[in-house]
Amino acid sequence: MVLFVEYPKCSTCQKAKKWLLENQVEFEDRHIVEDNPSKEELKVWYEKSGLPLKRFFNTSGMKYKELKLKDKLPDMTEEEQLELLASDGMLVKRPVLVGDNFVLTGFKEKEWTEKLN
């Protein structure tokens, strides 16, 4: 079973959830705002993903733009970035799919198919 972290009103999350159901993937569903990932969880996911930490930020979100993070992130430490992500689920790129040996951010059908098959 995988962990599917989503914001239900997000159209990309809706597409991803539909894909999981159609492909009969067992998943635990988690609302990213009501149950925001902790700093510790985010650190584990980041390390497991092999992705740059910036890929965990919802760079197209209003909150990201309001806080002018495009300019601030390069000067922030990894620790500060993780704390910021843990402070507000709307800053986190979604959906997040967490498996035993992988973490994916955003929904790319080809990437998800490769990891889940």
PDB file of N, CA and C in Angstrom:
ATOM      1  N   MET A   1       0.834  -1.182   0.000  1.00  0.00           N
ATOM      2  CA  MET A   1       0.000   0.000   0.000  1.00  0.00           C
ATOM      3  C   MET A   1       0.880   1.246   0.000  1.00  0.00           C
ATOM      4  N   VAL A   2       0.434   2.271  -0.739  1.00  0.00           N
ATOM      5  CA  VAL A   2       1.167   3.530  -0.804  1.00  0.00           C
ATOM      6  C   VAL A   2       0.376   4.614  -0.071  1.00  0.00           C
ATOM      7  N   LEU A   3       1.072   5.684   0.264  1.00  0.00           N
ATOM      8  CA  LEU A   3       0.438   6.843   0.881  1.00  0.00           C
ATOM      9  C   LEU A   3       0.221   7.880  -0.212  1.00  0.00           C
ATOM     10  N   PHE A   4      -1.009   8.337  -0.351  1.00  0.00           N
ATOM     11  CA  PHE A   4      -1.382   9.338  -1.351  1.00  0.00           C
ATOM     12  C   PHE A   4      -1.752  10.614  -0.600  1.00  0.00           C
ATOM     13  N   VAL A   5      -0.897  11.632  -0.711  1.00  0.00           N
ATOM     14  CA  VAL A   5      -1.112  12.892  -0.009  1.00  0.00           C
ATOM     15  C   VAL A   5      -1.647  13.890  -1.026  1.00  0.00           C
ATOM     16  N   GLU A   6      -2.852  14.412  -0.759  1.00  0.00           N
ATOM     17  CA  GLU A   6      -3.522  15.235  -1.763  1.00  0.00           C
ATOM     18  C   GLU A   6      -4.270  16.411  -1.160  1.00  0.00           C
ATOM     19  N   TYR A   7      -4.631  17.326  -2.037  1.00  0.00           N
ATOM     20  CA  TYR A   7      -5.577  18.393  -1.736  1.00  0.00           C
ATOM     21  C   TYR A   7      -6.777  18.100  -2.629  1.00  0.00           C
ATOM     22  N   PRO A   8      -7.909  17.655  -2.054  1.00  0.00           N
ATOM     23  CA  PRO A   8      -9.034  17.165  -2.854  1.00  0.00           C
ATOM     24  C   PRO A   8      -9.574  18.124  -3.916  1.00  0.00           C
ATOM     25  N   LYS A   9      -9.413  19.435  -3.733  1.00  0.00           N
ATOM     26  CA  LYS A   9      -9.924  20.393  -4.722  1.00  0.00           C
ATOM     27  C   LYS A   9      -8.971  20.586  -5.901  1.00  0.00           C
ATOM     28  N   CYS A  10      -7.788  20.030  -5.806  1.00  0.00           N
ATOM     29  CA  CYS A  10      -6.772  20.166  -6.857  1.00  0.00           C
ATOM     30  C   CYS A  10      -7.102  19.214  -8.012  1.00  0.00           C
ATOM     31  N   SER A  11      -7.194  19.748  -9.223  1.00  0.00           N
ATOM     32  CA  SER A  11      -7.567  18.916 -10.380  1.00  0.00           C
ATOM     33  C   SER A  11      -6.504  17.855 -10.684  1.00  0.00           C
ATOM     34  N   THR A  12      -5.247  18.167 -10.459  1.00  0.00           N
ATOM     35  CA  THR A  12      -4.186  17.182 -10.687  1.00  0.00           C
ATOM     36  C   THR A  12      -4.312  16.034  -9.687  1.00  0.00           C
ATOM     37  N   CYS A  13      -4.637  16.364  -8.448  1.00  0.00           N
ATOM     38  CA  CYS A  13      -4.837  15.329  -7.426  1.00  0.00           C
ATOM     39  C   CYS A  13      -6.035  14.456  -7.781  1.00  0.00           C
ATOM     40  N   GLN A  14      -7.087  15.070  -8.285  1.00  0.00           N
ATOM     41  CA  GLN A  14      -8.281  14.316  -8.683  1.00  0.00           C
ATOM     42  C   GLN A  14      -7.943  13.337  -9.805  1.00  0.00           C
ATOM     43  N   LYS A  15      -7.155  13.809 -10.772  1.00  0.00           N
ATOM     44  CA  LYS A  15      -6.724  12.945 -11.882  1.00  0.00           C
ATOM     45  C   LYS A  15      -5.890  11.776 -11.358  1.00  0.00           C
ATOM     46  N   ALA A  16      -4.972  12.092 -10.455  1.00  0.00           N
ATOM     47  CA  ALA A  16      -4.082  11.072  -9.895  1.00  0.00           C
ATOM     48  C   ALA A  16      -4.875  10.031  -9.103  1.00  0.00           C
ATOM     49  N   LYS A  17      -5.836  10.489  -8.319  1.00  0.00           N
ATOM     50  CA  LYS A  17      -6.652   9.574  -7.519  1.00  0.00           C
ATOM     51  C   LYS A  17      -7.466   8.656  -8.436  1.00  0.00           C
ATOM     52  N   LYS A  18      -8.023   9.230  -9.490  1.00  0.00           N
ATOM     53  CA  LYS A  18      -8.786   8.443 -10.464  1.00  0.00           C
ATOM     54  C   LYS A  18      -7.881   7.370 -11.076  1.00  0.00           C
ATOM     55  N   TRP A  19      -6.642   7.756 -11.408  1.00  0.00           N
ATOM     56  CA  TRP A  19      -5.676   6.830 -11.996  1.00  0.00           C
ATOM     57  C   TRP A  19      -5.369   5.687 -11.017  1.00  0.00           C
ATOM     58  N   LEU A  20      -5.166   6.028  -9.741  1.00  0.00           N
ATOM     59  CA  LEU A  20      -4.895   5.002  -8.726  1.00  0.00           C
ATOM     60  C   LEU A  20      -6.054   4.008  -8.638  1.00  0.00           C
ATOM     61  N   LEU A  21      -7.269   4.531  -8.620  1.00  0.00           N
ATOM     62  CA  LEU A  21      -8.456   3.670  -8.526  1.00  0.00           C
ATOM     63  C   LEU A  21      -8.605   2.796  -9.770  1.00  0.00           C
ATOM     64  N   GLU A  22      -8.428   3.397 -10.951  1.00  0.00           N
ATOM     65  CA  GLU A  22      -8.548   2.637 -12.203  1.00  0.00           C
ATOM     66  C   GLU A  22      -7.499   1.536 -12.306  1.00  0.00           C
ATOM     67  N   ASN A  23      -6.325   1.786 -11.730  1.00  0.00           N
ATOM     68  CA  ASN A  23      -5.238   0.812 -11.783  1.00  0.00           C
ATOM     69  C   ASN A  23      -5.207  -0.086 -10.548  1.00  0.00           C
ATOM     70  N   GLN A  24      -6.251  -0.001  -9.756  1.00  0.00           N
ATOM     71  CA  GLN A  24      -6.434  -0.846  -8.576  1.00  0.00           C
ATOM     72  C   GLN A  24      -5.224  -0.831  -7.639  1.00  0.00           C
ATOM     73  N   VAL A  25      -4.703   0.369  -7.419  1.00  0.00           N
ATOM     74  CA  VAL A  25      -3.587   0.546  -6.493  1.00  0.00           C
ATOM     75  C   VAL A  25      -4.175   0.823  -5.108  1.00  0.00           C
ATOM     76  N   GLU A  26      -3.777   0.020  -4.134  1.00  0.00           N
ATOM     77  CA  GLU A  26      -4.237   0.254  -2.764  1.00  0.00           C
ATOM     78  C   GLU A  26      -3.475   1.438  -2.193  1.00  0.00           C
ATOM     79  N   PHE A  27      -4.235   2.384  -1.614  1.00  0.00           N
ATOM     80  CA  PHE A  27      -3.568   3.556  -1.057  1.00  0.00           C
ATOM     81  C   PHE A  27      -4.289   4.070   0.178  1.00  0.00           C
ATOM     82  N   GLU A  28      -3.494   4.725   1.009  1.00  0.00           N
ATOM     83  CA  GLU A  28      -4.035   5.449   2.158  1.00  0.00           C
ATOM     84  C   GLU A  28      -4.129   6.900   1.714  1.00  0.00           C
ATOM     85  N   ASP A  29      -5.283   7.495   1.896  1.00  0.00           N
ATOM     86  CA  ASP A  29      -5.537   8.864   1.447  1.00  0.00           C
ATOM     87  C   ASP A  29      -5.307   9.840   2.601  1.00  0.00           C
ATOM     88  N   ARG A  30      -4.603  10.928   2.321  1.00  0.00           N
ATOM     89  CA  ARG A  30      -4.322  11.917   3.366  1.00  0.00           C
ATOM     90  C   ARG A  30      -4.490  13.327   2.806  1.00  0.00           C
ATOM     91  N   HIS A  31      -5.268  14.143   3.488  1.00  0.00           N
ATOM     92  CA  HIS A  31      -5.546  15.529   3.105  1.00  0.00           C
ATOM     93  C   HIS A  31      -4.364  16.392   3.544  1.00  0.00           C
ATOM     94  N   ILE A  32      -3.720  17.043   2.598  1.00  0.00           N
ATOM     95  CA  ILE A  32      -2.467  17.750   2.872  1.00  0.00           C
ATOM     96  C   ILE A  32      -2.629  18.977   3.772  1.00  0.00           C
ATOM     97  N   VAL A  33      -3.822  19.565   3.799  1.00  0.00           N
ATOM     98  CA  VAL A  33      -4.029  20.734   4.644  1.00  0.00           C
ATOM     99  C   VAL A  33      -4.485  20.318   6.042  1.00  0.00           C
ATOM    100  N   GLU A  34      -5.407  19.362   6.103  1.00  0.00           N
ATOM    101  CA  GLU A  34      -5.908  18.907   7.401  1.00  0.00           C
ATOM    102  C   GLU A  34      -4.861  18.102   8.166  1.00  0.00           C
ATOM    103  N   ASP A  35      -3.977  17.436   7.446  1.00  0.00           N
ATOM    104  CA  ASP A  35      -2.940  16.608   8.067  1.00  0.00           C
ATOM    105  C   ASP A  35      -1.615  16.872   7.342  1.00  0.00           C
ATOM    106  N   ASN A  36      -1.110  18.085   7.538  1.00  0.00           N
ATOM    107  CA  ASN A  36       0.109  18.507   6.853  1.00  0.00           C
ATOM    108  C   ASN A  36       1.298  17.640   7.273  1.00  0.00           C
ATOM    109  N   PRO A  37       2.138  17.257   6.316  1.00  0.00           N
ATOM    110  CA  PRO A  37       3.325  16.470   6.669  1.00  0.00           C
ATOM    111  C   PRO A  37       4.216  17.229   7.659  1.00  0.00           C
ATOM    112  N   SER A  38       4.783  16.496   8.593  1.00  0.00           N
ATOM    113  CA  SER A  38       5.692  17.095   9.572  1.00  0.00           C
ATOM    114  C   SER A  38       7.057  17.322   8.925  1.00  0.00           C
ATOM    115  N   LYS A  39       7.858  18.108   9.598  1.00  0.00           N
ATOM    116  CA  LYS A  39       9.218  18.365   9.121  1.00  0.00           C
ATOM    117  C   LYS A  39       9.988  17.049   9.007  1.00  0.00           C
ATOM    118  N   GLU A  40       9.801  16.163   9.982  1.00  0.00           N
ATOM    119  CA  GLU A  40      10.505  14.877   9.989  1.00  0.00           C
ATOM    120  C   GLU A  40      10.068  14.013   8.799  1.00  0.00           C
ATOM    121  N   GLU A  41       8.756  13.965   8.549  1.00  0.00           N
ATOM    122  CA  GLU A  41       8.249  13.196   7.402  1.00  0.00           C
ATOM    123  C   GLU A  41       8.815  13.751   6.102  1.00  0.00           C
ATOM    124  N   LEU A  42       8.755  15.061   5.972  1.00  0.00           N
ATOM    125  CA  LEU A  42       9.242  15.703   4.746  1.00  0.00           C
ATOM    126  C   LEU A  42      10.721  15.407   4.517  1.00  0.00           C
ATOM    127  N   LYS A  43      11.498  15.405   5.592  1.00  0.00           N
ATOM    128  CA  LYS A  43      12.933  15.112   5.472  1.00  0.00           C
ATOM    129  C   LYS A  43      13.149  13.685   4.968  1.00  0.00           C
ATOM    130  N   VAL A  44      12.398  12.734   5.519  1.00  0.00           N
ATOM    131  CA  VAL A  44      12.496  11.333   5.091  1.00  0.00           C
ATOM    132  C   VAL A  44      12.087  11.212   3.617  1.00  0.00           C
ATOM    133  N   TRP A  45      10.978  11.847   3.248  1.00  0.00           N
ATOM    134  CA  TRP A  45      10.495  11.780   1.865  1.00  0.00           C
ATOM    135  C   TRP A  45      11.510  12.388   0.905  1.00  0.00           C
ATOM    136  N   TYR A  46      12.043  13.532   1.298  1.00  0.00           N
ATOM    137  CA  TYR A  46      13.037  14.224   0.473  1.00  0.00           C
ATOM    138  C   TYR A  46      14.254  13.326   0.251  1.00  0.00           C
ATOM    139  N   GLU A  47      14.759  12.726   1.313  1.00  0.00           N
ATOM    140  CA  GLU A  47      15.940  11.863   1.196  1.00  0.00           C
ATOM    141  C   GLU A  47      15.632  10.615   0.370  1.00  0.00           C
ATOM    142  N   LYS A  48      14.444  10.050   0.553  1.00  0.00           N
ATOM    143  CA  LYS A  48      14.050   8.842  -0.173  1.00  0.00           C
ATOM    144  C   LYS A  48      13.820   9.130  -1.658  1.00  0.00           C
ATOM    145  N   SER A  49      13.388  10.346  -1.973  1.00  0.00           N
ATOM    146  CA  SER A  49      13.012  10.687  -3.352  1.00  0.00           C
ATOM    147  C   SER A  49      14.208  10.857  -4.282  1.00  0.00           C
ATOM    148  N   GLY A  50      15.323  11.342  -3.740  1.00  0.00           N
ATOM    149  CA  GLY A  50      16.466  11.659  -4.589  1.00  0.00           C
ATOM    150  C   GLY A  50      16.257  12.937  -5.395  1.00  0.00           C
ATOM    151  N   LEU A  51      15.174  13.650  -5.117  1.00  0.00           N
ATOM    152  CA  LEU A  51      14.852  14.888  -5.836  1.00  0.00           C
ATOM    153  C   LEU A  51      15.448  16.093  -5.119  1.00  0.00           C
ATOM    154  N   PRO A  52      15.645  17.190  -5.854  1.00  0.00           N
ATOM    155  CA  PRO A  52      16.041  18.425  -5.173  1.00  0.00           C
ATOM    156  C   PRO A  52      14.888  18.879  -4.266  1.00  0.00           C
ATOM    157  N   LEU A  53      15.196  19.482  -3.146  1.00  0.00           N
ATOM    158  CA  LEU A  53      14.160  19.898  -2.201  1.00  0.00           C
ATOM    159  C   LEU A  53      13.166  20.867  -2.842  1.00  0.00           C
ATOM    160  N   LYS A  54      13.618  21.661  -3.780  1.00  0.00           N
ATOM    161  CA  LYS A  54      12.729  22.622  -4.453  1.00  0.00           C
ATOM    162  C   LYS A  54      11.547  21.918  -5.118  1.00  0.00           C
ATOM    163  N   ARG A  55      11.720  20.665  -5.525  1.00  0.00           N
ATOM    164  CA  ARG A  55      10.632  19.916  -6.173  1.00  0.00           C
ATOM    165  C   ARG A  55       9.483  19.607  -5.210  1.00  0.00           C
ATOM    166  N   PHE A  56       9.705  19.809  -3.925  1.00  0.00           N
ATOM    167  CA  PHE A  56       8.641  19.592  -2.946  1.00  0.00           C
ATOM    168  C   PHE A  56       7.794  20.849  -2.732  1.00  0.00           C
ATOM    169  N   PHE A  57       8.205  21.957  -3.335  1.00  0.00           N
ATOM    170  CA  PHE A  57       7.449  23.197  -3.207  1.00  0.00           C
ATOM    171  C   PHE A  57       6.446  23.334  -4.341  1.00  0.00           C
ATOM    172  N   ASN A  58       5.251  23.793  -4.012  1.00  0.00           N
ATOM    173  CA  ASN A  58       4.210  24.065  -4.992  1.00  0.00           C
ATOM    174  C   ASN A  58       4.497  25.442  -5.596  1.00  0.00           C
ATOM    175  N   THR A  59       5.395  25.471  -6.561  1.00  0.00           N
ATOM    176  CA  THR A  59       5.871  26.737  -7.118  1.00  0.00           C
ATOM    177  C   THR A  59       4.802  27.505  -7.886  1.00  0.00           C
ATOM    178  N   SER A  60       3.712  26.858  -8.244  1.00  0.00           N
ATOM    179  CA  SER A  60       2.644  27.570  -8.952  1.00  0.00           C
ATOM    180  C   SER A  60       1.523  28.001  -8.002  1.00  0.00           C
ATOM    181  N   GLY A  61       1.678  27.717  -6.714  1.00  0.00           N
ATOM    182  CA  GLY A  61       0.647  28.056  -5.735  1.00  0.00           C
ATOM    183  C   GLY A  61       0.677  29.515  -5.317  1.00  0.00           C
ATOM    184  N   MET A  62      -0.480  30.010  -4.885  1.00  0.00           N
ATOM    185  CA  MET A  62      -0.597  31.408  -4.452  1.00  0.00           C
ATOM    186  C   MET A  62       0.285  31.695  -3.248  1.00  0.00           C
ATOM    187  N   LYS A  63       0.310  30.759  -2.311  1.00  0.00           N
ATOM    188  CA  LYS A  63       1.082  30.954  -1.081  1.00  0.00           C
ATOM    189  C   LYS A  63       2.576  31.123  -1.403  1.00  0.00           C
ATOM    190  N   TYR A  64       3.074  30.295  -2.314  1.00  0.00           N
ATOM    191  CA  TYR A  64       4.477  30.358  -2.738  1.00  0.00           C
ATOM    192  C   TYR A  64       4.781  31.743  -3.306  1.00  0.00           C
ATOM    193  N   LYS A  65       3.860  32.233  -4.129  1.00  0.00           N
ATOM    194  CA  LYS A  65       4.047  33.543  -4.768  1.00  0.00           C
ATOM    195  C   LYS A  65       3.901  34.683  -3.768  1.00  0.00           C
ATOM    196  N   GLU A  66       2.911  34.571  -2.869  1.00  0.00           N
ATOM    197  CA  GLU A  66       2.701  35.603  -1.841  1.00  0.00           C
ATOM    198  C   GLU A  66       3.949  35.792  -0.985  1.00  0.00           C
ATOM    199  N   LEU A  67       4.582  34.681  -0.639  1.00  0.00           N
ATOM    200  CA  LEU A  67       5.769  34.731   0.221  1.00  0.00           C
ATOM    201  C   LEU A  67       7.052  35.034  -0.555  1.00  0.00           C
ATOM    202  N   LYS A  68       6.912  35.191  -1.878  1.00  0.00           N
ATOM    203  CA  LYS A  68       8.062  35.492  -2.757  1.00  0.00           C
ATOM    204  C   LYS A  68       9.197  34.482  -2.562  1.00  0.00           C
ATOM    205  N   LEU A  69       8.818  33.217  -2.508  1.00  0.00           N
ATOM    206  CA  LEU A  69       9.795  32.166  -2.218  1.00  0.00           C
ATOM    207  C   LEU A  69      10.771  31.923  -3.357  1.00  0.00           C
ATOM    208  N   LYS A  70      10.397  32.292  -4.565  1.00  0.00           N
ATOM    209  CA  LYS A  70      11.316  32.127  -5.697  1.00  0.00           C
ATOM    210  C   LYS A  70      12.639  32.836  -5.389  1.00  0.00           C
ATOM    211  N   ASP A  71      12.529  34.006  -4.771  1.00  0.00           N
ATOM    212  CA  ASP A  71      13.723  34.788  -4.441  1.00  0.00           C
ATOM    213  C   ASP A  71      14.361  34.361  -3.119  1.00  0.00           C
ATOM    214  N   LYS A  72      13.554  33.841  -2.201  1.00  0.00           N
ATOM    215  CA  LYS A  72      14.057  33.536  -0.857  1.00  0.00           C
ATOM    216  C   LYS A  72      14.672  32.142  -0.718  1.00  0.00           C
ATOM    217  N   LEU A  73      14.115  31.156  -1.442  1.00  0.00           N
ATOM    218  CA  LEU A  73      14.585  29.764  -1.279  1.00  0.00           C
ATOM    219  C   LEU A  73      16.089  29.583  -1.455  1.00  0.00           C
ATOM    220  N   PRO A  74      16.690  30.200  -2.483  1.00  0.00           N
ATOM    221  CA  PRO A  74      18.134  29.967  -2.681  1.00  0.00           C
ATOM    222  C   PRO A  74      18.996  30.347  -1.473  1.00  0.00           C
ATOM    223  N   ASP A  75      18.507  31.284  -0.645  1.00  0.00           N
ATOM    224  CA  ASP A  75      19.279  31.730   0.517  1.00  0.00           C
ATOM    225  C   ASP A  75      18.907  30.997   1.802  1.00  0.00           C
ATOM    226  N   MET A  76      17.932  30.093   1.709  1.00  0.00           N
ATOM    227  CA  MET A  76      17.486  29.364   2.900  1.00  0.00           C
ATOM    228  C   MET A  76      18.241  28.044   3.033  1.00  0.00           C
ATOM    229  N   THR A  77      18.466  27.639   4.277  1.00  0.00           N
ATOM    230  CA  THR A  77      19.098  26.339   4.510  1.00  0.00           C
ATOM    231  C   THR A  77      18.060  25.242   4.261  1.00  0.00           C
ATOM    232  N   GLU A  78      18.536  24.026   4.124  1.00  0.00           N
ATOM    233  CA  GLU A  78      17.646  22.874   3.955  1.00  0.00           C
ATOM    234  C   GLU A  78      16.687  22.782   5.144  1.00  0.00           C
ATOM    235  N   GLU A  79      17.231  22.993   6.329  1.00  0.00           N
ATOM    236  CA  GLU A  79      16.433  22.938   7.563  1.00  0.00           C
ATOM    237  C   GLU A  79      15.307  23.973   7.526  1.00  0.00           C
ATOM    238  N   GLU A  80      15.626  25.192   7.122  1.00  0.00           N
ATOM    239  CA  GLU A  80      14.625  26.261   7.040  1.00  0.00           C
ATOM    240  C   GLU A  80      13.560  25.939   5.993  1.00  0.00           C
ATOM    241  N   GLN A  81      13.978  25.367   4.882  1.00  0.00           N
ATOM    242  CA  GLN A  81      13.023  25.003   3.834  1.00  0.00           C
ATOM    243  C   GLN A  81      12.069  23.915   4.322  1.00  0.00           C
ATOM    244  N   LEU A  82      12.593  22.924   5.025  1.00  0.00           N
ATOM    245  CA  LEU A  82      11.750  21.849   5.563  1.00  0.00           C
ATOM    246  C   LEU A  82      10.758  22.394   6.591  1.00  0.00           C
ATOM    247  N   GLU A  83      11.223  23.317   7.436  1.00  0.00           N
ATOM    248  CA  GLU A  83      10.331  23.934   8.427  1.00  0.00           C
ATOM    249  C   GLU A  83       9.217  24.703   7.734  1.00  0.00           C
ATOM    250  N   LEU A  84       9.562  25.410   6.679  1.00  0.00           N
ATOM    251  CA  LEU A  84       8.576  26.180   5.924  1.00  0.00           C
ATOM    252  C   LEU A  84       7.539  25.255   5.285  1.00  0.00           C
ATOM    253  N   LEU A  85       7.989  24.186   4.653  1.00  0.00           N
ATOM    254  CA  LEU A  85       7.071  23.215   4.042  1.00  0.00           C
ATOM    255  C   LEU A  85       6.129  22.619   5.090  1.00  0.00           C
ATOM    256  N   ALA A  86       6.663  22.329   6.264  1.00  0.00           N
ATOM    257  CA  ALA A  86       5.861  21.720   7.329  1.00  0.00           C
ATOM    258  C   ALA A  86       4.867  22.709   7.939  1.00  0.00           C
ATOM    259  N   SER A  87       5.080  24.000   7.707  1.00  0.00           N
ATOM    260  CA  SER A  87       4.217  25.019   8.308  1.00  0.00           C
ATOM    261  C   SER A  87       2.885  25.183   7.587  1.00  0.00           C
ATOM    262  N   ASP A  88       2.814  24.763   6.322  1.00  0.00           N
ATOM    263  CA  ASP A  88       1.590  24.983   5.542  1.00  0.00           C
ATOM    264  C   ASP A  88       1.511  23.994   4.381  1.00  0.00           C
ATOM    265  N   GLY A  89       0.499  23.132   4.409  1.00  0.00           N
ATOM    266  CA  GLY A  89       0.324  22.121   3.362  1.00  0.00           C
ATOM    267  C   GLY A  89       0.176  22.702   1.969  1.00  0.00           C
ATOM    268  N   MET A  90      -0.288  23.959   1.878  1.00  0.00           N
ATOM    269  CA  MET A  90      -0.475  24.570   0.564  1.00  0.00           C
ATOM    270  C   MET A  90       0.860  24.914  -0.106  1.00  0.00           C
ATOM    271  N   LEU A  91       1.941  24.857   0.637  1.00  0.00           N
ATOM    272  CA  LEU A  91       3.263  25.104   0.051  1.00  0.00           C
ATOM    273  C   LEU A  91       3.849  23.846  -0.592  1.00  0.00           C
ATOM    274  N   VAL A  92       3.268  22.694  -0.260  1.00  0.00           N
ATOM    275  CA  VAL A  92       3.816  21.411  -0.712  1.00  0.00           C
ATOM    276  C   VAL A  92       3.257  21.026  -2.078  1.00  0.00           C
ATOM    277  N   LYS A  93       4.142  20.643  -2.975  1.00  0.00           N
ATOM    278  CA  LYS A  93       3.753  20.154  -4.308  1.00  0.00           C
ATOM    279  C   LYS A  93       2.899  18.912  -4.125  1.00  0.00           C
ATOM    280  N   ARG A  94       1.820  18.860  -4.861  1.00  0.00           N
ATOM    281  CA  ARG A  94       0.926  17.718  -4.714  1.00  0.00           C
ATOM    282  C   ARG A  94       0.466  17.217  -6.059  1.00  0.00           C
ATOM    283  N   PRO A  95       0.003  15.994  -6.071  1.00  0.00           N
ATOM    284  CA  PRO A  95       0.002  15.044  -4.969  1.00  0.00           C
ATOM    285  C   PRO A  95       1.410  14.531  -4.667  1.00  0.00           C
ATOM    286  N   VAL A  96       1.532  13.924  -3.497  1.00  0.00           N
ATOM    287  CA  VAL A  96       2.761  13.229  -3.122  1.00  0.00           C
ATOM    288  C   VAL A  96       2.382  11.757  -2.992  1.00  0.00           C
ATOM    289  N   LEU A  97       3.170  10.903  -3.618  1.00  0.00           N
ATOM    290  CA  LEU A  97       2.934   9.464  -3.534  1.00  0.00           C
ATOM    291  C   LEU A  97       4.145   8.840  -2.857  1.00  0.00           C
ATOM    292  N   VAL A  98       3.906   8.173  -1.729  1.00  0.00           N
ATOM    293  CA  VAL A  98       4.997   7.614  -0.935  1.00  0.00           C
ATOM    294  C   VAL A  98       4.870   6.094  -0.894  1.00  0.00           C
ATOM    295  N   GLY A  99       5.885   5.422  -1.424  1.00  0.00           N
ATOM    296  CA  GLY A  99       5.945   3.965  -1.379  1.00  0.00           C
ATOM    297  C   GLY A  99       7.076   3.528  -0.466  1.00  0.00           C
ATOM    298  N   ASP A 100       7.303   2.222  -0.387  1.00  0.00           N
ATOM    299  CA  ASP A 100       8.365   1.709   0.479  1.00  0.00           C
ATOM    300  C   ASP A 100       9.738   2.228   0.074  1.00  0.00           C
ATOM    301  N   ASN A 101       9.975   2.324  -1.233  1.00  0.00           N
ATOM    302  CA  ASN A 101      11.317   2.717  -1.688  1.00  0.00           C
ATOM    303  C   ASN A 101      11.293   3.860  -2.700  1.00  0.00           C
ATOM    304  N   PHE A 102      10.222   4.656  -2.688  1.00  0.00           N
ATOM    305  CA  PHE A 102      10.163   5.808  -3.594  1.00  0.00           C
ATOM    306  C   PHE A 102       9.224   6.882  -3.057  1.00  0.00           C
ATOM    307  N   VAL A 103       9.433   8.103  -3.541  1.00  0.00           N
ATOM    308  CA  VAL A 103       8.527   9.224  -3.283  1.00  0.00           C
ATOM    309  C   VAL A 103       8.427  10.002  -4.583  1.00  0.00           C
ATOM    310  N   LEU A 104       7.194  10.278  -5.009  1.00  0.00           N
ATOM    311  CA  LEU A 104       6.958  11.047  -6.229  1.00  0.00           C
ATOM    312  C   LEU A 104       6.165  12.298  -5.878  1.00  0.00           C
ATOM    313  N   THR A 105       6.511  13.421  -6.519  1.00  0.00           N
ATOM    314  CA  THR A 105       5.744  14.653  -6.330  1.00  0.00           C
ATOM    315  C   THR A 105       5.116  15.031  -7.658  1.00  0.00           C
ATOM    316  N   GLY A 106       3.885  15.515  -7.603  1.00  0.00           N
ATOM    317  CA  GLY A 106       3.161  15.832  -8.829  1.00  0.00           C
ATOM    318  C   GLY A 106       2.694  14.536  -9.477  1.00  0.00           C
ATOM    319  N   PHE A 107       1.831  14.649 -10.478  1.00  0.00           N
ATOM    320  CA  PHE A 107       1.319  13.450 -11.140  1.00  0.00           C
ATOM    321  C   PHE A 107       1.818  13.388 -12.573  1.00  0.00           C
ATOM    322  N   LYS A 108       2.714  12.435 -12.801  1.00  0.00           N
ATOM    323  CA  LYS A 108       3.189  12.134 -14.157  1.00  0.00           C
ATOM    324  C   LYS A 108       2.883  10.657 -14.357  1.00  0.00           C
ATOM    325  N   GLU A 109       1.878  10.383 -15.188  1.00  0.00           N
ATOM    326  CA  GLU A 109       1.368   9.021 -15.337  1.00  0.00           C
ATOM    327  C   GLU A 109       2.464   8.012 -15.656  1.00  0.00           C
ATOM    328  N   LYS A 110       3.371   8.358 -16.561  1.00  0.00           N
ATOM    329  CA  LYS A 110       4.443   7.433 -16.953  1.00  0.00           C
ATOM    330  C   LYS A 110       5.322   7.086 -15.741  1.00  0.00           C
ATOM    331  N   GLU A 111       5.684   8.106 -14.989  1.00  0.00           N
ATOM    332  CA  GLU A 111       6.529   7.927 -13.803  1.00  0.00           C
ATOM    333  C   GLU A 111       5.816   7.053 -12.757  1.00  0.00           C
ATOM    334  N   TRP A 112       4.549   7.302 -12.542  1.00  0.00           N
ATOM    335  CA  TRP A 112       3.778   6.529 -11.565  1.00  0.00           C
ATOM    336  C   TRP A 112       3.652   5.078 -12.016  1.00  0.00           C
ATOM    337  N   THR A 113       3.403   4.877 -13.301  1.00  0.00           N
ATOM    338  CA  THR A 113       3.280   3.518 -13.843  1.00  0.00           C
ATOM    339  C   THR A 113       4.566   2.740 -13.621  1.00  0.00           C
ATOM    340  N   GLU A 114       5.708   3.382 -13.906  1.00  0.00           N
ATOM    341  CA  GLU A 114       7.009   2.722 -13.736  1.00  0.00           C
ATOM    342  C   GLU A 114       7.247   2.326 -12.280  1.00  0.00           C
ATOM    343  N   LYS A 115       6.917   3.209 -11.353  1.00  0.00           N
ATOM    344  CA  LYS A 115       7.184   2.942  -9.932  1.00  0.00           C
ATOM    345  C   LYS A 115       6.231   1.914  -9.334  1.00  0.00           C
ATOM    346  N   LEU A 116       5.018   1.864  -9.843  1.00  0.00           N
ATOM    347  CA  LEU A 116       4.008   0.996  -9.231  1.00  0.00           C
ATOM    348  C   LEU A 116       3.874  -0.362  -9.897  1.00  0.00           C
ATOM    349  N   ASN A 117       4.597  -0.592 -10.982  1.00  0.00           N
ATOM    350  CA  ASN A 117       4.520  -1.898 -11.663  1.00  0.00           C
ATOM    351  C   ASN A 117       5.817  -2.666 -11.545  1.00  0.00           C
TER     352      ASN A 117
END
